[in-house]
Amino acid sequence: MSNLIEKEHSIIAGMVGQGATVLDLGCGHGDLLALLAEQKQIKGQGIEIDQQAIYDCVAKGLSVFHGDIDSGLPEFGDRAFDYVILSQSMQQVKKPDTVLTEALRVGKKAIVSFPNFAHLSARLQLGIFGKVPVNPSLPFEWYNTPNTHFLSFNDFINYCRKRGIKIEKQVYLNDRGRVRILPNILGMVGIFLISKR
């Protein structure tokens, strides 16, 4: 796990209440769920589409089931979880609007984190060298990236404003730590705690 992802997981853990109920959408190999279970004693559930990742989660003792979050979350009732987490998965789904709407339906709050496609290094690589950006928050080449949506922090903030979604907290990171000035240029990963107004 990269240092940037470790920092991100630490920030997310700080946003989650002790003993909370958590649904992790696109939970991957379960690193974040395992951390939350250990540090916050959460009651966690994950949804993942990759079969090998599910096996890895089960080996860690996590409750995870196979599912495609793009098709919604009909098996969960309204406000069934204290937190719904989308850590590094929102830019990979086909229908982010549907996924976010469902996350805010089944969760009292949602925590969303994603790489910033408008980071300075991404701008330079694309604008000067004419190459698809690769940096610590965007480690994939054009031919093997799982990302299908390319958004910036400003894009997400504008989306929330248009949809009447309240941003309760926002934290920006780069490979050196927290970013407090010019986050849309200097931040590599954004973490947003959101809720319905």
N, C-alpha and C. Protein backbone atom coordinates (compact mmCIF):
# COMPACT_ATOMS: atom_id res chain seq x y z
N MET A 1 0.85 -1.19 0.00
CA MET A 1 0.00 0.00 0.00
C MET A 1 0.89 1.24 0.00
N SER A 2 0.56 2.21 -0.86
CA SER A 2 1.38 3.41 -0.96
C SER A 2 1.20 4.29 0.27
N ASN A 3 2.20 5.14 0.50
CA ASN A 3 2.18 6.07 1.63
C ASN A 3 0.97 7.00 1.54
N LEU A 4 0.63 7.42 0.31
CA LEU A 4 -0.51 8.31 0.11
C LEU A 4 -1.82 7.63 0.50
N ILE A 5 -1.98 6.35 0.13
CA ILE A 5 -3.19 5.61 0.49
C ILE A 5 -3.25 5.39 2.00
N GLU A 6 -2.11 5.14 2.63
CA GLU A 6 -2.08 5.00 4.10
C GLU A 6 -2.56 6.28 4.77
N LYS A 7 -2.09 7.43 4.29
CA LYS A 7 -2.52 8.72 4.84
C LYS A 7 -4.02 8.90 4.63
N GLU A 8 -4.49 8.55 3.44
CA GLU A 8 -5.91 8.67 3.14
C GLU A 8 -6.75 7.81 4.09
N HIS A 9 -6.34 6.56 4.28
CA HIS A 9 -7.08 5.67 5.18
C HIS A 9 -7.09 6.19 6.61
N SER A 10 -5.98 6.79 7.04
CA SER A 10 -5.91 7.36 8.38
C SER A 10 -6.90 8.52 8.54
N ILE A 11 -7.00 9.37 7.52
CA ILE A 11 -7.95 10.50 7.56
C ILE A 11 -9.38 9.96 7.60
N ILE A 12 -9.68 8.98 6.76
CA ILE A 12 -11.03 8.40 6.74
C ILE A 12 -11.37 7.80 8.10
N ALA A 13 -10.41 7.08 8.70
CA ALA A 13 -10.64 6.49 10.03
C ALA A 13 -10.97 7.58 11.06
N GLY A 14 -10.34 8.74 10.91
CA GLY A 14 -10.62 9.84 11.82
C GLY A 14 -12.01 10.43 11.65
N MET A 15 -12.63 10.23 10.50
CA MET A 15 -13.97 10.74 10.25
C MET A 15 -15.07 9.78 10.73
N VAL A 16 -14.72 8.51 10.91
CA VAL A 16 -15.70 7.48 11.26
C VAL A 16 -15.83 7.37 12.77
N GLY A 17 -17.07 7.35 13.26
CA GLY A 17 -17.31 7.25 14.69
C GLY A 17 -17.04 5.85 15.23
N GLN A 18 -16.69 5.79 16.51
CA GLN A 18 -16.43 4.53 17.18
C GLN A 18 -17.66 3.63 17.13
N GLY A 19 -17.48 2.37 16.75
CA GLY A 19 -18.57 1.40 16.74
C GLY A 19 -19.64 1.64 15.69
N ALA A 20 -19.34 2.45 14.70
CA ALA A 20 -20.33 2.82 13.67
C ALA A 20 -20.61 1.64 12.74
N THR A 21 -21.72 1.74 12.03
CA THR A 21 -22.02 0.80 10.96
C THR A 21 -21.52 1.42 9.66
N VAL A 22 -20.79 0.61 8.87
CA VAL A 22 -20.10 1.12 7.68
C VAL A 22 -20.34 0.19 6.50
N LEU A 23 -20.67 0.78 5.36
CA LEU A 23 -20.75 0.05 4.10
C LEU A 23 -19.66 0.63 3.19
N ASP A 24 -18.72 -0.23 2.77
CA ASP A 24 -17.61 0.20 1.91
C ASP A 24 -17.89 -0.28 0.49
N LEU A 25 -18.18 0.67 -0.40
CA LEU A 25 -18.52 0.36 -1.78
C LEU A 25 -17.26 0.30 -2.63
N GLY A 26 -17.01 -0.85 -3.24
CA GLY A 26 -15.78 -1.04 -3.99
C GLY A 26 -14.62 -1.17 -3.02
N CYS A 27 -14.78 -2.08 -2.04
CA CYS A 27 -13.84 -2.18 -0.92
C CYS A 27 -12.50 -2.78 -1.28
N GLY A 28 -12.33 -3.26 -2.51
CA GLY A 28 -11.04 -3.81 -2.92
C GLY A 28 -10.64 -5.00 -2.07
N HIS A 29 -9.40 -5.00 -1.62
CA HIS A 29 -8.86 -6.12 -0.85
C HIS A 29 -9.15 -6.00 0.64
N GLY A 30 -9.91 -4.97 1.03
CA GLY A 30 -10.37 -4.85 2.40
C GLY A 30 -9.45 -4.16 3.38
N ASP A 31 -8.42 -3.49 2.87
CA ASP A 31 -7.47 -2.84 3.77
C ASP A 31 -8.13 -1.78 4.66
N LEU A 32 -8.99 -0.95 4.06
CA LEU A 32 -9.66 0.10 4.83
C LEU A 32 -10.66 -0.50 5.83
N LEU A 33 -11.45 -1.46 5.39
CA LEU A 33 -12.41 -2.11 6.30
C LEU A 33 -11.69 -2.75 7.49
N ALA A 34 -10.57 -3.43 7.22
CA ALA A 34 -9.80 -4.07 8.29
C ALA A 34 -9.26 -3.03 9.26
N LEU A 35 -8.77 -1.91 8.74
CA LEU A 35 -8.28 -0.83 9.60
C LEU A 35 -9.39 -0.26 10.48
N LEU A 36 -10.56 -0.03 9.88
CA LEU A 36 -11.69 0.51 10.65
C LEU A 36 -12.18 -0.48 11.71
N ALA A 37 -12.16 -1.76 11.38
CA ALA A 37 -12.56 -2.78 12.35
C ALA A 37 -11.60 -2.79 13.54
N GLU A 38 -10.32 -2.66 13.24
CA GLU A 38 -9.31 -2.70 14.30
C GLU A 38 -9.31 -1.42 15.13
N GLN A 39 -9.33 -0.26 14.48
CA GLN A 39 -9.19 1.01 15.20
C GLN A 39 -10.50 1.54 15.77
N LYS A 40 -11.60 1.31 15.06
CA LYS A 40 -12.88 1.92 15.46
C LYS A 40 -13.94 0.90 15.85
N GLN A 41 -13.61 -0.39 15.78
CA GLN A 41 -14.56 -1.46 16.14
C GLN A 41 -15.89 -1.30 15.41
N ILE A 42 -15.80 -0.99 14.12
CA ILE A 42 -17.01 -0.80 13.33
C ILE A 42 -17.70 -2.13 13.06
N LYS A 43 -18.97 -2.04 12.70
CA LYS A 43 -19.69 -3.18 12.14
C LYS A 43 -19.70 -2.92 10.63
N GLY A 44 -18.83 -3.61 9.90
CA GLY A 44 -18.59 -3.27 8.50
C GLY A 44 -19.09 -4.31 7.53
N GLN A 45 -19.43 -3.80 6.36
CA GLN A 45 -19.87 -4.64 5.24
C GLN A 45 -19.23 -4.04 3.99
N GLY A 46 -18.73 -4.90 3.11
CA GLY A 46 -18.14 -4.42 1.87
C GLY A 46 -18.87 -4.97 0.66
N ILE A 47 -18.79 -4.24 -0.43
CA ILE A 47 -19.29 -4.71 -1.72
C ILE A 47 -18.14 -4.56 -2.70
N GLU A 48 -17.87 -5.64 -3.43
CA GLU A 48 -16.75 -5.64 -4.36
C GLU A 48 -17.12 -6.48 -5.58
N ILE A 49 -16.64 -6.08 -6.75
CA ILE A 49 -16.95 -6.80 -7.99
C ILE A 49 -15.86 -7.81 -8.36
N ASP A 50 -14.62 -7.58 -7.91
CA ASP A 50 -13.50 -8.44 -8.25
C ASP A 50 -13.45 -9.67 -7.33
N GLN A 51 -13.53 -10.84 -7.94
CA GLN A 51 -13.64 -12.08 -7.17
C GLN A 51 -12.39 -12.33 -6.30
N GLN A 52 -11.20 -12.10 -6.82
CA GLN A 52 -9.98 -12.33 -6.04
C GLN A 52 -9.92 -11.39 -4.85
N ALA A 53 -10.34 -10.13 -5.04
CA ALA A 53 -10.36 -9.18 -3.93
C ALA A 53 -11.32 -9.66 -2.84
N ILE A 54 -12.45 -10.24 -3.23
CA ILE A 54 -13.41 -10.78 -2.26
C ILE A 54 -12.76 -11.90 -1.45
N TYR A 55 -12.04 -12.80 -2.11
CA TYR A 55 -11.34 -13.87 -1.40
C TYR A 55 -10.35 -13.29 -0.38
N ASP A 56 -9.65 -12.23 -0.78
CA ASP A 56 -8.69 -11.60 0.13
C ASP A 56 -9.40 -11.00 1.35
N CYS A 57 -10.56 -10.40 1.12
CA CYS A 57 -11.35 -9.83 2.22
C CYS A 57 -11.81 -10.92 3.19
N VAL A 58 -12.33 -12.00 2.63
CA VAL A 58 -12.83 -13.10 3.46
C VAL A 58 -11.68 -13.70 4.27
N ALA A 59 -10.48 -13.80 3.68
CA ALA A 59 -9.32 -14.30 4.40
C ALA A 59 -8.96 -13.41 5.59
N LYS A 60 -9.32 -12.13 5.50
CA LYS A 60 -9.08 -11.19 6.61
C LYS A 60 -10.22 -11.19 7.62
N GLY A 61 -11.24 -12.04 7.38
CA GLY A 61 -12.37 -12.12 8.30
C GLY A 61 -13.40 -11.03 8.10
N LEU A 62 -13.42 -10.42 6.93
CA LEU A 62 -14.34 -9.33 6.65
C LEU A 62 -15.61 -9.84 5.97
N SER A 63 -16.71 -9.13 6.20
CA SER A 63 -17.99 -9.46 5.58
C SER A 63 -18.10 -8.68 4.27
N VAL A 64 -17.95 -9.38 3.16
CA VAL A 64 -17.97 -8.74 1.84
C VAL A 64 -18.77 -9.62 0.90
N PHE A 65 -19.58 -9.00 0.06
CA PHE A 65 -20.27 -9.80 -0.95
C PHE A 65 -20.05 -9.23 -2.34
N HIS A 66 -20.25 -10.09 -3.30
CA HIS A 66 -20.05 -9.74 -4.71
C HIS A 66 -21.21 -8.89 -5.19
N GLY A 67 -20.91 -7.75 -5.78
CA GLY A 67 -21.96 -6.91 -6.31
C GLY A 67 -21.41 -5.81 -7.18
N ASP A 68 -22.26 -5.29 -8.04
CA ASP A 68 -21.91 -4.18 -8.93
C ASP A 68 -22.63 -2.94 -8.42
N ILE A 69 -21.89 -2.01 -7.82
CA ILE A 69 -22.52 -0.85 -7.20
C ILE A 69 -23.16 0.08 -8.23
N ASP A 70 -22.80 -0.06 -9.51
CA ASP A 70 -23.44 0.74 -10.56
C ASP A 70 -24.93 0.43 -10.69
N SER A 71 -25.34 -0.76 -10.28
CA SER A 71 -26.75 -1.14 -10.41
C SER A 71 -27.58 -0.75 -9.19
N GLY A 72 -27.00 0.05 -8.29
CA GLY A 72 -27.74 0.52 -7.13
C GLY A 72 -27.56 -0.40 -5.93
N LEU A 73 -28.27 -0.06 -4.86
CA LEU A 73 -28.17 -0.80 -3.60
C LEU A 73 -29.56 -1.18 -3.10
N PRO A 74 -30.35 -1.88 -3.93
CA PRO A 74 -31.75 -2.16 -3.54
C PRO A 74 -31.89 -3.06 -2.31
N GLU A 75 -30.82 -3.80 -1.98
CA GLU A 75 -30.90 -4.71 -0.84
C GLU A 75 -30.79 -4.00 0.51
N PHE A 76 -30.50 -2.68 0.49
CA PHE A 76 -30.34 -1.92 1.73
C PHE A 76 -31.43 -0.86 1.85
N GLY A 77 -31.95 -0.72 3.05
CA GLY A 77 -32.97 0.29 3.32
C GLY A 77 -32.37 1.67 3.50
N ASP A 78 -33.23 2.66 3.54
CA ASP A 78 -32.80 4.05 3.75
C ASP A 78 -32.10 4.18 5.10
N ARG A 79 -30.97 4.90 5.10
CA ARG A 79 -30.21 5.20 6.32
C ARG A 79 -29.85 3.94 7.12
N ALA A 80 -29.55 2.86 6.41
CA ALA A 80 -29.21 1.59 7.05
C ALA A 80 -27.82 1.61 7.69
N PHE A 81 -26.96 2.53 7.25
CA PHE A 81 -25.59 2.61 7.76
C PHE A 81 -25.29 4.02 8.25
N ASP A 82 -24.40 4.10 9.23
CA ASP A 82 -23.94 5.42 9.68
C ASP A 82 -23.09 6.08 8.60
N TYR A 83 -22.23 5.28 7.95
CA TYR A 83 -21.34 5.80 6.91
C TYR A 83 -21.32 4.86 5.71
N VAL A 84 -21.35 5.44 4.53
CA VAL A 84 -21.08 4.69 3.30
C VAL A 84 -19.79 5.29 2.73
N ILE A 85 -18.84 4.42 2.43
CA ILE A 85 -17.52 4.88 1.97
C ILE A 85 -17.29 4.52 0.51
N LEU A 86 -16.81 5.49 -0.23
CA LEU A 86 -16.34 5.30 -1.61
C LEU A 86 -14.90 5.77 -1.64
N SER A 87 -13.98 4.87 -1.30
CA SER A 87 -12.56 5.21 -1.26
C SER A 87 -11.90 4.77 -2.55
N GLN A 88 -11.52 5.75 -3.37
CA GLN A 88 -10.84 5.49 -4.64
C GLN A 88 -11.66 4.60 -5.57
N SER A 89 -12.99 4.69 -5.46
CA SER A 89 -13.82 3.87 -6.35
C SER A 89 -14.78 4.71 -7.20
N MET A 90 -15.06 5.94 -6.80
CA MET A 90 -16.05 6.73 -7.53
C MET A 90 -15.62 7.02 -8.97
N GLN A 91 -14.34 7.26 -9.19
CA GLN A 91 -13.88 7.56 -10.54
C GLN A 91 -13.84 6.32 -11.42
N GLN A 92 -14.08 5.14 -10.81
CA GLN A 92 -14.04 3.89 -11.57
C GLN A 92 -15.42 3.35 -11.94
N VAL A 93 -16.47 3.88 -11.31
CA VAL A 93 -17.81 3.37 -11.61
C VAL A 93 -18.31 3.96 -12.92
N LYS A 94 -19.29 3.29 -13.52
CA LYS A 94 -19.86 3.78 -14.79
C LYS A 94 -20.89 4.88 -14.55
N LYS A 95 -21.61 4.80 -13.41
CA LYS A 95 -22.69 5.73 -13.13
C LYS A 95 -22.47 6.42 -11.78
N PRO A 96 -21.53 7.37 -11.70
CA PRO A 96 -21.24 8.00 -10.41
C PRO A 96 -22.43 8.71 -9.78
N ASP A 97 -23.29 9.30 -10.61
CA ASP A 97 -24.46 9.99 -10.07
C ASP A 97 -25.38 9.00 -9.34
N THR A 98 -25.63 7.86 -9.94
CA THR A 98 -26.46 6.82 -9.32
C THR A 98 -25.80 6.31 -8.05
N VAL A 99 -24.51 6.04 -8.11
CA VAL A 99 -23.80 5.49 -6.95
C VAL A 99 -23.83 6.47 -5.78
N LEU A 100 -23.60 7.76 -6.04
CA LEU A 100 -23.63 8.75 -4.96
C LEU A 100 -25.03 8.94 -4.40
N THR A 101 -26.03 8.94 -5.28
CA THR A 101 -27.42 9.06 -4.81
C THR A 101 -27.77 7.90 -3.89
N GLU A 102 -27.39 6.69 -4.29
CA GLU A 102 -27.66 5.50 -3.47
C GLU A 102 -26.85 5.53 -2.17
N ALA A 103 -25.60 5.97 -2.24
CA ALA A 103 -24.77 6.05 -1.04
C ALA A 103 -25.41 6.97 0.00
N LEU A 104 -25.94 8.11 -0.45
CA LEU A 104 -26.56 9.06 0.47
C LEU A 104 -27.97 8.62 0.89
N ARG A 105 -28.54 7.67 0.18
CA ARG A 105 -29.83 7.11 0.61
C ARG A 105 -29.62 6.09 1.73
N VAL A 106 -28.67 5.18 1.55
CA VAL A 106 -28.49 4.11 2.53
C VAL A 106 -27.59 4.51 3.69
N GLY A 107 -26.85 5.59 3.53
CA GLY A 107 -25.98 6.06 4.61
C GLY A 107 -26.44 7.39 5.17
N LYS A 108 -26.27 7.56 6.48
CA LYS A 108 -26.55 8.86 7.10
C LYS A 108 -25.54 9.89 6.61
N LYS A 109 -24.31 9.41 6.39
CA LYS A 109 -23.24 10.24 5.83
C LYS A 109 -22.46 9.38 4.84
N ALA A 110 -21.75 10.03 3.94
CA ALA A 110 -20.88 9.31 3.01
C ALA A 110 -19.50 9.95 3.06
N ILE A 111 -18.49 9.10 2.88
CA ILE A 111 -17.11 9.57 2.77
C ILE A 111 -16.62 9.18 1.38
N VAL A 112 -16.23 10.18 0.62
CA VAL A 112 -15.82 9.97 -0.77
C VAL A 112 -14.38 10.46 -0.92
N SER A 113 -13.52 9.60 -1.47
CA SER A 113 -12.15 10.04 -1.77
C SER A 113 -11.81 9.64 -3.20
N PHE A 114 -11.01 10.47 -3.84
CA PHE A 114 -10.65 10.22 -5.23
C PHE A 114 -9.42 11.02 -5.60
N PRO A 115 -8.71 10.59 -6.64
CA PRO A 115 -7.54 11.34 -7.10
C PRO A 115 -7.96 12.60 -7.86
N ASN A 116 -7.14 13.61 -7.75
CA ASN A 116 -7.39 14.88 -8.42
C ASN A 116 -6.73 14.88 -9.79
N PHE A 117 -7.55 14.84 -10.82
CA PHE A 117 -7.02 14.84 -12.18
C PHE A 117 -6.55 16.23 -12.62
N ALA A 118 -6.72 17.25 -11.75
CA ALA A 118 -6.26 18.60 -12.07
C ALA A 118 -5.02 18.98 -11.26
N HIS A 119 -4.38 17.99 -10.62
CA HIS A 119 -3.15 18.25 -9.87
C HIS A 119 -2.09 18.82 -10.81
N LEU A 120 -1.22 19.63 -10.25
CA LEU A 120 -0.19 20.32 -11.05
C LEU A 120 0.61 19.36 -11.93
N SER A 121 1.03 18.22 -11.37
CA SER A 121 1.83 17.30 -12.17
C SER A 121 1.02 16.72 -13.34
N ALA A 122 -0.29 16.49 -13.10
CA ALA A 122 -1.15 16.00 -14.18
C ALA A 122 -1.30 17.06 -15.26
N ARG A 123 -1.45 18.31 -14.85
CA ARG A 123 -1.57 19.40 -15.83
C ARG A 123 -0.31 19.53 -16.67
N LEU A 124 0.85 19.44 -16.01
CA LEU A 124 2.11 19.57 -16.73
C LEU A 124 2.32 18.41 -17.70
N GLN A 125 2.06 17.18 -17.22
CA GLN A 125 2.27 16.02 -18.08
C GLN A 125 1.38 16.08 -19.32
N LEU A 126 0.13 16.49 -19.12
CA LEU A 126 -0.81 16.56 -20.24
C LEU A 126 -0.52 17.78 -21.12
N GLY A 127 -0.35 18.95 -20.47
CA GLY A 127 -0.21 20.19 -21.22
C GLY A 127 1.12 20.37 -21.91
N ILE A 128 2.21 19.97 -21.26
CA ILE A 128 3.53 20.21 -21.83
C ILE A 128 4.04 19.00 -22.61
N PHE A 129 3.91 17.83 -22.01
CA PHE A 129 4.46 16.62 -22.64
C PHE A 129 3.44 15.87 -23.48
N GLY A 130 2.18 16.25 -23.37
CA GLY A 130 1.14 15.61 -24.17
C GLY A 130 0.94 14.14 -23.82
N LYS A 131 1.15 13.80 -22.54
CA LYS A 131 1.02 12.42 -22.09
C LYS A 131 -0.05 12.30 -21.01
N VAL A 132 -0.71 11.15 -20.97
CA VAL A 132 -1.68 10.89 -19.92
C VAL A 132 -0.93 10.90 -18.59
N PRO A 133 -1.44 11.63 -17.58
CA PRO A 133 -0.72 11.79 -16.32
C PRO A 133 -0.52 10.48 -15.55
N VAL A 134 0.68 10.35 -14.96
CA VAL A 134 0.99 9.27 -14.02
C VAL A 134 1.70 9.93 -12.84
N ASN A 135 1.15 9.76 -11.63
CA ASN A 135 1.77 10.28 -10.41
C ASN A 135 1.34 9.38 -9.25
N PRO A 136 1.75 9.68 -8.01
CA PRO A 136 1.40 8.78 -6.91
C PRO A 136 -0.11 8.55 -6.71
N SER A 137 -0.94 9.51 -7.07
CA SER A 137 -2.39 9.30 -6.93
C SER A 137 -3.02 8.74 -8.20
N LEU A 138 -2.29 8.79 -9.30
CA LEU A 138 -2.74 8.24 -10.58
C LEU A 138 -1.65 7.30 -11.10
N PRO A 139 -1.48 6.13 -10.47
CA PRO A 139 -0.33 5.29 -10.78
C PRO A 139 -0.44 4.45 -12.04
N PHE A 140 -1.55 4.52 -12.75
CA PHE A 140 -1.77 3.64 -13.90
C PHE A 140 -1.40 4.32 -15.21
N GLU A 141 -1.02 3.50 -16.17
CA GLU A 141 -0.80 3.97 -17.53
C GLU A 141 -2.16 4.03 -18.24
N TRP A 142 -2.23 4.68 -19.39
CA TRP A 142 -3.50 4.85 -20.10
C TRP A 142 -4.14 3.51 -20.44
N TYR A 143 -3.35 2.48 -20.68
CA TYR A 143 -3.87 1.20 -21.16
C TYR A 143 -4.31 0.25 -20.04
N ASN A 144 -3.97 0.55 -18.78
CA ASN A 144 -4.39 -0.35 -17.71
C ASN A 144 -5.10 0.37 -16.56
N THR A 145 -5.51 1.60 -16.79
CA THR A 145 -6.19 2.34 -15.73
C THR A 145 -7.63 1.86 -15.54
N PRO A 146 -8.06 1.73 -14.27
CA PRO A 146 -9.45 1.40 -14.01
C PRO A 146 -10.35 2.64 -14.03
N ASN A 147 -9.75 3.83 -14.11
CA ASN A 147 -10.51 5.08 -14.04
C ASN A 147 -11.27 5.33 -15.34
N THR A 148 -12.56 5.67 -15.18
CA THR A 148 -13.37 6.01 -16.34
C THR A 148 -13.88 7.45 -16.29
N HIS A 149 -13.79 8.09 -15.12
CA HIS A 149 -14.21 9.49 -14.97
C HIS A 149 -13.03 10.29 -14.43
N PHE A 150 -12.80 11.43 -15.02
CA PHE A 150 -11.64 12.24 -14.68
C PHE A 150 -12.14 13.56 -14.09
N LEU A 151 -12.08 13.66 -12.76
CA LEU A 151 -12.64 14.83 -12.10
C LEU A 151 -11.62 15.50 -11.21
N SER A 152 -11.88 16.76 -10.93
CA SER A 152 -11.05 17.53 -10.02
C SER A 152 -11.85 17.79 -8.74
N PHE A 153 -11.17 18.34 -7.75
CA PHE A 153 -11.87 18.70 -6.51
C PHE A 153 -12.96 19.73 -6.79
N ASN A 154 -12.64 20.71 -7.65
CA ASN A 154 -13.64 21.73 -7.98
C ASN A 154 -14.86 21.12 -8.67
N ASP A 155 -14.63 20.12 -9.53
CA ASP A 155 -15.76 19.44 -10.17
C ASP A 155 -16.68 18.81 -9.13
N PHE A 156 -16.09 18.14 -8.13
CA PHE A 156 -16.89 17.47 -7.11
C PHE A 156 -17.63 18.48 -6.24
N ILE A 157 -16.96 19.56 -5.87
CA ILE A 157 -17.60 20.60 -5.05
C ILE A 157 -18.79 21.20 -5.81
N ASN A 158 -18.61 21.49 -7.11
CA ASN A 158 -19.71 22.02 -7.92
C ASN A 158 -20.85 21.01 -8.05
N TYR A 159 -20.52 19.74 -8.20
CA TYR A 159 -21.53 18.68 -8.26
C TYR A 159 -22.37 18.69 -6.97
N CYS A 160 -21.70 18.74 -5.83
CA CYS A 160 -22.41 18.74 -4.55
C CYS A 160 -23.31 19.97 -4.43
N ARG A 161 -22.83 21.11 -4.86
CA ARG A 161 -23.62 22.34 -4.79
C ARG A 161 -24.88 22.21 -5.65
N LYS A 162 -24.75 21.70 -6.86
CA LYS A 162 -25.89 21.54 -7.76
C LYS A 162 -26.90 20.54 -7.24
N ARG A 163 -26.43 19.49 -6.54
CA ARG A 163 -27.32 18.43 -6.06
C ARG A 163 -27.83 18.68 -4.64
N GLY A 164 -27.45 19.80 -4.04
CA GLY A 164 -27.90 20.08 -2.68
C GLY A 164 -27.27 19.15 -1.64
N ILE A 165 -26.05 18.71 -1.91
CA ILE A 165 -25.33 17.84 -0.99
C ILE A 165 -24.44 18.70 -0.11
N LYS A 166 -24.50 18.44 1.19
CA LYS A 166 -23.71 19.22 2.15
C LYS A 166 -22.32 18.59 2.31
N ILE A 167 -21.29 19.40 2.12
CA ILE A 167 -19.92 18.96 2.40
C ILE A 167 -19.61 19.36 3.83
N GLU A 168 -19.54 18.36 4.72
CA GLU A 168 -19.30 18.63 6.13
C GLU A 168 -17.82 18.83 6.44
N LYS A 169 -16.98 18.12 5.70
CA LYS A 169 -15.54 18.22 5.92
C LYS A 169 -14.84 17.84 4.64
N GLN A 170 -13.70 18.48 4.38
CA GLN A 170 -12.90 18.14 3.22
C GLN A 170 -11.42 18.22 3.60
N VAL A 171 -10.68 17.22 3.19
CA VAL A 171 -9.24 17.15 3.47
C VAL A 171 -8.54 16.83 2.16
N TYR A 172 -7.44 17.53 1.92
CA TYR A 172 -6.67 17.33 0.69
C TYR A 172 -5.27 16.86 1.06
N LEU A 173 -4.75 15.90 0.28
CA LEU A 173 -3.43 15.33 0.54
C LEU A 173 -2.58 15.33 -0.72
N ASN A 174 -1.27 15.41 -0.52
CA ASN A 174 -0.33 15.04 -1.57
C ASN A 174 0.71 14.14 -0.95
N ASP A 175 1.75 13.80 -1.66
CA ASP A 175 2.71 12.83 -1.14
C ASP A 175 3.53 13.35 0.03
N ARG A 176 3.40 14.64 0.37
CA ARG A 176 4.10 15.22 1.52
C ARG A 176 3.20 15.38 2.74
N GLY A 177 1.88 15.26 2.57
CA GLY A 177 0.97 15.43 3.70
C GLY A 177 -0.26 16.24 3.31
N ARG A 178 -0.83 16.94 4.29
CA ARG A 178 -2.04 17.73 4.04
C ARG A 178 -1.73 18.96 3.20
N VAL A 179 -2.69 19.31 2.36
CA VAL A 179 -2.57 20.49 1.50
C VAL A 179 -3.61 21.50 1.97
N ARG A 180 -3.14 22.69 2.31
CA ARG A 180 -4.05 23.71 2.85
C ARG A 180 -4.23 24.90 1.91
N ILE A 181 -3.32 25.06 0.95
CA ILE A 181 -3.47 26.16 -0.01
C ILE A 181 -3.52 25.60 -1.42
N LEU A 182 -4.31 26.23 -2.26
CA LEU A 182 -4.48 25.83 -3.66
C LEU A 182 -4.67 24.32 -3.82
N PRO A 183 -5.66 23.73 -3.11
CA PRO A 183 -5.80 22.28 -3.16
C PRO A 183 -6.10 21.72 -4.54
N ASN A 184 -6.82 22.45 -5.38
CA ASN A 184 -7.16 21.92 -6.71
C ASN A 184 -5.95 21.85 -7.63
N ILE A 185 -4.87 22.54 -7.24
CA ILE A 185 -3.63 22.49 -8.00
C ILE A 185 -2.60 21.60 -7.31
N LEU A 186 -2.50 21.68 -5.97
CA LEU A 186 -1.44 20.99 -5.24
C LEU A 186 -1.89 19.68 -4.59
N GLY A 187 -3.20 19.46 -4.48
CA GLY A 187 -3.69 18.25 -3.83
C GLY A 187 -3.78 17.09 -4.81
N MET A 188 -3.34 15.91 -4.36
CA MET A 188 -3.41 14.71 -5.19
C MET A 188 -4.65 13.87 -4.89
N VAL A 189 -5.05 13.84 -3.63
CA VAL A 189 -6.22 13.06 -3.21
C VAL A 189 -7.10 13.94 -2.34
N GLY A 190 -8.40 13.92 -2.60
CA GLY A 190 -9.37 14.64 -1.78
C GLY A 190 -10.25 13.67 -1.04
N ILE A 191 -10.59 14.00 0.20
CA ILE A 191 -11.47 13.19 1.02
C ILE A 191 -12.59 14.10 1.50
N PHE A 192 -13.83 13.72 1.20
CA PHE A 192 -14.99 14.55 1.50
C PHE A 192 -15.98 13.78 2.36
N LEU A 193 -16.39 14.39 3.47
CA LEU A 193 -17.47 13.86 4.31
C LEU A 193 -18.71 14.62 3.89
N ILE A 194 -19.70 13.90 3.36
CA ILE A 194 -20.89 14.55 2.81
C ILE A 194 -22.16 13.96 3.39
N SER A 195 -23.24 14.75 3.28
CA SER A 195 -24.56 14.29 3.73
C SER A 195 -25.62 15.04 2.96
N LYS A 196 -26.86 14.54 3.05
CA LYS A 196 -27.98 15.25 2.42
C LYS A 196 -28.29 16.48 3.25
N ARG A 197 -28.69 17.56 2.57
CA ARG A 197 -29.09 18.77 3.31
C ARG A 197 -30.44 18.55 3.96
